[in-house]
Amino acid sequence: MLIELFVTVFYGYAVVGAIFGFYFVWWGVARIDPDAHPLPVTLRLMLWPASAALWPMLAWKLLQIK
């Protein structure tokens, strides 16, 4: 029972991270760093796994920007 809950939470974190990572790589990174706007697609694809894994921290950073 506890393991099933842990796996469900892990998959939920991974799914939300994958969706947020896609948003962050294509639109959010330019909000944090305007110089990152012209990044090539290959570099954006390399940033996707890290942004998916660290999505809570990056979401907090995006929410602080006005």
PDB file of N, CA and C in Angstrom:
ATOM      1  N   MET A   1       0.825  -1.198   0.000  1.00  0.00           N
ATOM      2  CA  MET A   1       0.000   0.000   0.000  1.00  0.00           C
ATOM      3  C   MET A   1       0.866   1.257   0.000  1.00  0.00           C
ATOM      4  N   LEU A   2       1.847   1.321   0.876  1.00  0.00           N
ATOM      5  CA  LEU A   2       2.715   2.487   0.958  1.00  0.00           C
ATOM      6  C   LEU A   2       3.581   2.610  -0.294  1.00  0.00           C
ATOM      7  N   ILE A   3       4.018   1.478  -0.824  1.00  0.00           N
ATOM      8  CA  ILE A   3       4.830   1.508  -2.041  1.00  0.00           C
ATOM      9  C   ILE A   3       4.007   1.978  -3.229  1.00  0.00           C
ATOM     10  N   GLU A   4       2.751   1.544  -3.311  1.00  0.00           N
ATOM     11  CA  GLU A   4       1.881   2.002  -4.387  1.00  0.00           C
ATOM     12  C   GLU A   4       1.676   3.518  -4.327  1.00  0.00           C
ATOM     13  N   LEU A   5       1.522   4.051  -3.133  1.00  0.00           N
ATOM     14  CA  LEU A   5       1.384   5.493  -2.961  1.00  0.00           C
ATOM     15  C   LEU A   5       2.660   6.209  -3.393  1.00  0.00           C
ATOM     16  N   PHE A   6       3.796   5.672  -3.000  1.00  0.00           N
ATOM     17  CA  PHE A   6       5.078   6.258  -3.381  1.00  0.00           C
ATOM     18  C   PHE A   6       5.249   6.266  -4.902  1.00  0.00           C
ATOM     19  N   VAL A   7       4.909   5.176  -5.559  1.00  0.00           N
ATOM     20  CA  VAL A   7       5.032   5.093  -7.016  1.00  0.00           C
ATOM     21  C   VAL A   7       4.066   6.064  -7.690  1.00  0.00           C
ATOM     22  N   THR A   8       2.852   6.184  -7.177  1.00  0.00           N
ATOM     23  CA  THR A   8       1.876   7.117  -7.742  1.00  0.00           C
ATOM     24  C   THR A   8       2.364   8.554  -7.608  1.00  0.00           C
ATOM     25  N   VAL A   9       2.887   8.897  -6.448  1.00  0.00           N
ATOM     26  CA  VAL A   9       3.421  10.253  -6.241  1.00  0.00           C
ATOM     27  C   VAL A   9       4.612  10.489  -7.169  1.00  0.00           C
ATOM     28  N   PHE A  10       5.467   9.509  -7.325  1.00  0.00           N
ATOM     29  CA  PHE A  10       6.619   9.652  -8.213  1.00  0.00           C
ATOM     30  C   PHE A  10       6.183   9.883  -9.658  1.00  0.00           C
ATOM     31  N   TYR A  11       5.218   9.092 -10.128  1.00  0.00           N
ATOM     32  CA  TYR A  11       4.725   9.274 -11.499  1.00  0.00           C
ATOM     33  C   TYR A  11       4.031  10.625 -11.675  1.00  0.00           C
ATOM     34  N   GLY A  12       3.307  11.048 -10.668  1.00  0.00           N
ATOM     35  CA  GLY A  12       2.683  12.366 -10.735  1.00  0.00           C
ATOM     36  C   GLY A  12       3.719  13.475 -10.830  1.00  0.00           C
ATOM     37  N   TYR A  13       4.769  13.372 -10.011  1.00  0.00           N
ATOM     38  CA  TYR A  13       5.859  14.345 -10.055  1.00  0.00           C
ATOM     39  C   TYR A  13       6.516  14.336 -11.433  1.00  0.00           C
ATOM     40  N   ALA A  14       6.731  13.162 -11.987  1.00  0.00           N
ATOM     41  CA  ALA A  14       7.381  13.046 -13.292  1.00  0.00           C
ATOM     42  C   ALA A  14       6.512  13.611 -14.413  1.00  0.00           C
ATOM     43  N   VAL A  15       5.210  13.367 -14.373  1.00  0.00           N
ATOM     44  CA  VAL A  15       4.318  13.871 -15.418  1.00  0.00           C
ATOM     45  C   VAL A  15       4.222  15.395 -15.353  1.00  0.00           C
ATOM     46  N   VAL A  16       4.023  15.916 -14.152  1.00  0.00           N
ATOM     47  CA  VAL A  16       3.965  17.373 -14.006  1.00  0.00           C
ATOM     48  C   VAL A  16       5.299  17.984 -14.410  1.00  0.00           C
ATOM     49  N   GLY A  17       6.399  17.345 -14.045  1.00  0.00           N
ATOM     50  CA  GLY A  17       7.720  17.835 -14.420  1.00  0.00           C
ATOM     51  C   GLY A  17       7.942  17.824 -15.922  1.00  0.00           C
ATOM     52  N   ALA A  18       7.478  16.791 -16.595  1.00  0.00           N
ATOM     53  CA  ALA A  18       7.637  16.724 -18.046  1.00  0.00           C
ATOM     54  C   ALA A  18       6.842  17.823 -18.736  1.00  0.00           C
ATOM     55  N   ILE A  19       5.631  18.060 -18.273  1.00  0.00           N
ATOM     56  CA  ILE A  19       4.807  19.115 -18.871  1.00  0.00           C
ATOM     57  C   ILE A  19       5.398  20.486 -18.568  1.00  0.00           C
ATOM     58  N   PHE A  20       5.777  20.706 -17.317  1.00  0.00           N
ATOM     59  CA  PHE A  20       6.380  21.994 -16.963  1.00  0.00           C
ATOM     60  C   PHE A  20       7.706  22.189 -17.688  1.00  0.00           C
ATOM     61  N   GLY A  21       8.490  21.118 -17.811  1.00  0.00           N
ATOM     62  CA  GLY A  21       9.773  21.220 -18.512  1.00  0.00           C
ATOM     63  C   GLY A  21       9.594  21.665 -19.948  1.00  0.00           C
ATOM     64  N   PHE A  22       8.576  21.155 -20.603  1.00  0.00           N
ATOM     65  CA  PHE A  22       8.297  21.583 -21.976  1.00  0.00           C
ATOM     66  C   PHE A  22       7.966  23.069 -22.020  1.00  0.00           C
ATOM     67  N   TYR A  23       7.085  23.512 -21.116  1.00  0.00           N
ATOM     68  CA  TYR A  23       6.743  24.935 -21.064  1.00  0.00           C
ATOM     69  C   TYR A  23       7.977  25.779 -20.761  1.00  0.00           C
ATOM     70  N   PHE A  24       8.748  25.344 -19.773  1.00  0.00           N
ATOM     71  CA  PHE A  24       9.886  26.148 -19.343  1.00  0.00           C
ATOM     72  C   PHE A  24      10.937  26.272 -20.434  1.00  0.00           C
ATOM     73  N   VAL A  25      11.236  25.184 -21.109  1.00  0.00           N
ATOM     74  CA  VAL A  25      12.278  25.209 -22.137  1.00  0.00           C
ATOM     75  C   VAL A  25      11.889  26.110 -23.296  1.00  0.00           C
ATOM     76  N   TRP A  26      10.609  26.115 -23.675  1.00  0.00           N
ATOM     77  CA  TRP A  26      10.219  26.903 -24.843  1.00  0.00           C
ATOM     78  C   TRP A  26       9.854  28.345 -24.515  1.00  0.00           C
ATOM     79  N   TRP A  27       9.296  28.603 -23.324  1.00  0.00           N
ATOM     80  CA  TRP A  27       8.850  29.972 -23.030  1.00  0.00           C
ATOM     81  C   TRP A  27       9.407  30.517 -21.725  1.00  0.00           C
ATOM     82  N   GLY A  28       9.540  29.711 -20.711  1.00  0.00           N
ATOM     83  CA  GLY A  28       9.909  30.198 -19.384  1.00  0.00           C
ATOM     84  C   GLY A  28      11.348  30.629 -19.239  1.00  0.00           C
ATOM     85  N   VAL A  29      12.248  29.948 -19.916  1.00  0.00           N
ATOM     86  CA  VAL A  29      13.661  30.290 -19.766  1.00  0.00           C
ATOM     87  C   VAL A  29      13.938  31.711 -20.261  1.00  0.00           C
ATOM     88  N   ALA A  30      13.222  32.170 -21.248  1.00  0.00           N
ATOM     89  CA  ALA A  30      13.410  33.538 -21.745  1.00  0.00           C
ATOM     90  C   ALA A  30      12.873  34.565 -20.752  1.00  0.00           C
ATOM     91  N   ARG A  31      11.908  34.174 -19.913  1.00  0.00           N
ATOM     92  CA  ARG A  31      11.417  35.094 -18.882  1.00  0.00           C
ATOM     93  C   ARG A  31      12.434  35.263 -17.772  1.00  0.00           C
ATOM     94  N   ILE A  32      13.173  34.199 -17.445  1.00  0.00           N
ATOM     95  CA  ILE A  32      14.181  34.285 -16.395  1.00  0.00           C
ATOM     96  C   ILE A  32      15.434  34.979 -16.912  1.00  0.00           C
ATOM     97  N   ASP A  33      15.859  34.614 -18.109  1.00  0.00           N
ATOM     98  CA  ASP A  33      17.071  35.191 -18.699  1.00  0.00           C
ATOM     99  C   ASP A  33      16.765  35.637 -20.122  1.00  0.00           C
ATOM    100  N   PRO A  34      16.604  36.940 -20.352  1.00  0.00           N
ATOM    101  CA  PRO A  34      16.272  37.417 -21.699  1.00  0.00           C
ATOM    102  C   PRO A  34      17.330  37.077 -22.751  1.00  0.00           C
ATOM    103  N   ASP A  35      18.579  36.884 -22.336  1.00  0.00           N
ATOM    104  CA  ASP A  35      19.624  36.517 -23.294  1.00  0.00           C
ATOM    105  C   ASP A  35      19.481  35.084 -23.793  1.00  0.00           C
ATOM    106  N   ALA A  36      18.662  34.291 -23.144  1.00  0.00           N
ATOM    107  CA  ALA A  36      18.458  32.898 -23.542  1.00  0.00           C
ATOM    108  C   ALA A  36      17.387  32.746 -24.614  1.00  0.00           C
ATOM    109  N   HIS A  37      16.819  33.837 -25.057  1.00  0.00           N
ATOM    110  CA  HIS A  37      15.742  33.769 -26.056  1.00  0.00           C
ATOM    111  C   HIS A  37      16.184  33.107 -27.363  1.00  0.00           C
ATOM    112  N   PRO A  38      17.380  33.409 -27.897  1.00  0.00           N
ATOM    113  CA  PRO A  38      17.744  32.801 -29.183  1.00  0.00           C
ATOM    114  C   PRO A  38      18.449  31.438 -29.068  1.00  0.00           C
ATOM    115  N   LEU A  39      18.207  30.674 -28.009  1.00  0.00           N
ATOM    116  CA  LEU A  39      18.867  29.379 -27.856  1.00  0.00           C
ATOM    117  C   LEU A  39      18.465  28.420 -28.965  1.00  0.00           C
ATOM    118  N   PRO A  40      19.405  27.650 -29.469  1.00  0.00           N
ATOM    119  CA  PRO A  40      19.044  26.665 -30.504  1.00  0.00           C
ATOM    120  C   PRO A  40      18.214  25.518 -29.911  1.00  0.00           C
ATOM    121  N   VAL A  41      17.529  24.830 -30.773  1.00  0.00           N
ATOM    122  CA  VAL A  41      16.643  23.741 -30.357  1.00  0.00           C
ATOM    123  C   VAL A  41      17.426  22.639 -29.651  1.00  0.00           C
ATOM    124  N   THR A  42      18.626  22.342 -30.104  1.00  0.00           N
ATOM    125  CA  THR A  42      19.401  21.268 -29.480  1.00  0.00           C
ATOM    126  C   THR A  42      19.741  21.596 -28.032  1.00  0.00           C
ATOM    127  N   LEU A  43      20.062  22.841 -27.756  1.00  0.00           N
ATOM    128  CA  LEU A  43      20.356  23.225 -26.376  1.00  0.00           C
ATOM    129  C   LEU A  43      19.089  23.210 -25.531  1.00  0.00           C
ATOM    130  N   ARG A  44      17.984  23.611 -26.102  1.00  0.00           N
ATOM    131  CA  ARG A  44      16.716  23.557 -25.366  1.00  0.00           C
ATOM    132  C   ARG A  44      16.363  22.105 -25.026  1.00  0.00           C
ATOM    133  N   LEU A  45      16.621  21.176 -25.926  1.00  0.00           N
ATOM    134  CA  LEU A  45      16.368  19.763 -25.644  1.00  0.00           C
ATOM    135  C   LEU A  45      17.276  19.238 -24.544  1.00  0.00           C
ATOM    136  N   MET A  46      18.485  19.782 -24.462  1.00  0.00           N
ATOM    137  CA  MET A  46      19.398  19.374 -23.394  1.00  0.00           C
ATOM    138  C   MET A  46      18.963  19.939 -22.043  1.00  0.00           C
ATOM    139  N   LEU A  47      18.276  21.068 -22.035  1.00  0.00           N
ATOM    140  CA  LEU A  47      17.798  21.662 -20.792  1.00  0.00           C
ATOM    141  C   LEU A  47      16.531  20.997 -20.269  1.00  0.00           C
ATOM    142  N   TRP A  48      15.801  20.298 -21.131  1.00  0.00           N
ATOM    143  CA  TRP A  48      14.520  19.732 -20.752  1.00  0.00           C
ATOM    144  C   TRP A  48      14.587  18.740 -19.581  1.00  0.00           C
ATOM    145  N   PRO A  49      15.508  17.774 -19.549  1.00  0.00           N
ATOM    146  CA  PRO A  49      15.504  16.834 -18.415  1.00  0.00           C
ATOM    147  C   PRO A  49      15.761  17.513 -17.074  1.00  0.00           C
ATOM    148  N   ALA A  50      16.666  18.468 -17.048  1.00  0.00           N
ATOM    149  CA  ALA A  50      16.955  19.161 -15.789  1.00  0.00           C
ATOM    150  C   ALA A  50      15.774  20.012 -15.354  1.00  0.00           C
ATOM    151  N   SER A  51      15.120  20.669 -16.301  1.00  0.00           N
ATOM    152  CA  SER A  51      13.969  21.488 -15.925  1.00  0.00           C
ATOM    153  C   SER A  51      12.786  20.622 -15.506  1.00  0.00           C
ATOM    154  N   ALA A  52      12.682  19.423 -16.054  1.00  0.00           N
ATOM    155  CA  ALA A  52      11.623  18.505 -15.630  1.00  0.00           C
ATOM    156  C   ALA A  52      11.900  17.984 -14.223  1.00  0.00           C
ATOM    157  N   ALA A  53      13.147  17.750 -13.895  1.00  0.00           N
ATOM    158  CA  ALA A  53      13.487  17.243 -12.570  1.00  0.00           C
ATOM    159  C   ALA A  53      13.406  18.326 -11.502  1.00  0.00           C
ATOM    160  N   LEU A  54      13.746  19.539 -11.857  1.00  0.00           N
ATOM    161  CA  LEU A  54      13.794  20.634 -10.886  1.00  0.00           C
ATOM    162  C   LEU A  54      12.608  21.581 -11.019  1.00  0.00           C
ATOM    163  N   TRP A  55      11.476  21.068 -11.480  1.00  0.00           N
ATOM    164  CA  TRP A  55      10.352  21.937 -11.787  1.00  0.00           C
ATOM    165  C   TRP A  55       9.821  22.724 -10.598  1.00  0.00           C
ATOM    166  N   PRO A  56       9.804  22.229  -9.368  1.00  0.00           N
ATOM    167  CA  PRO A  56       9.270  23.079  -8.288  1.00  0.00           C
ATOM    168  C   PRO A  56      10.099  24.351  -8.073  1.00  0.00           C
ATOM    169  N   MET A  57      11.413  24.217  -8.134  1.00  0.00           N
ATOM    170  CA  MET A  57      12.278  25.372  -7.944  1.00  0.00           C
ATOM    171  C   MET A  57      12.126  26.368  -9.094  1.00  0.00           C
ATOM    172  N   LEU A  58      12.052  25.874 -10.318  1.00  0.00           N
ATOM    173  CA  LEU A  58      11.916  26.763 -11.473  1.00  0.00           C
ATOM    174  C   LEU A  58      10.537  27.406 -11.524  1.00  0.00           C
ATOM    175  N   ALA A  59       9.511  26.687 -11.117  1.00  0.00           N
ATOM    176  CA  ALA A  59       8.172  27.268 -11.076  1.00  0.00           C
ATOM    177  C   ALA A  59       8.123  28.391 -10.047  1.00  0.00           C
ATOM    178  N   TRP A  60       8.757  28.182  -8.903  1.00  0.00           N
ATOM    179  CA  TRP A  60       8.814  29.225  -7.880  1.00  0.00           C
ATOM    180  C   TRP A  60       9.542  30.460  -8.418  1.00  0.00           C
ATOM    181  N   LYS A  61      10.624  30.240  -9.141  1.00  0.00           N
ATOM    182  CA  LYS A  61      11.384  31.356  -9.717  1.00  0.00           C
ATOM    183  C   LYS A  61      10.541  32.109 -10.752  1.00  0.00           C
ATOM    184  N   LEU A  62       9.798  31.381 -11.582  1.00  0.00           N
ATOM    185  CA  LEU A  62       8.936  32.043 -12.569  1.00  0.00           C
ATOM    186  C   LEU A  62       7.801  32.835 -11.907  1.00  0.00           C
ATOM    187  N   LEU A  63       7.284  32.323 -10.821  1.00  0.00           N
ATOM    188  CA  LEU A  63       6.199  33.031 -10.126  1.00  0.00           C
ATOM    189  C   LEU A  63       6.683  34.307  -9.449  1.00  0.00           C
ATOM    190  N   GLN A  64       7.960  34.386  -9.117  1.00  0.00           N
ATOM    191  CA  GLN A  64       8.505  35.576  -8.485  1.00  0.00           C
ATOM    192  C   GLN A  64       8.799  36.692  -9.474  1.00  0.00           C
ATOM    193  N   ILE A  65       8.894  36.375 -10.756  1.00  0.00           N
ATOM    194  CA  ILE A  65       9.189  37.377 -11.775  1.00  0.00           C
ATOM    195  C   ILE A  65       7.892  38.097 -12.147  1.00  0.00           C
ATOM    196  N   LYS A  66       7.962  39.396 -12.195  1.00  0.00           N
ATOM    197  CA  LYS A  66       6.768  40.171 -12.580  1.00  0.00           C
ATOM    198  C   LYS A  66       7.041  40.971 -13.811  1.00  0.00           C
TER     199      LYS A  66
END
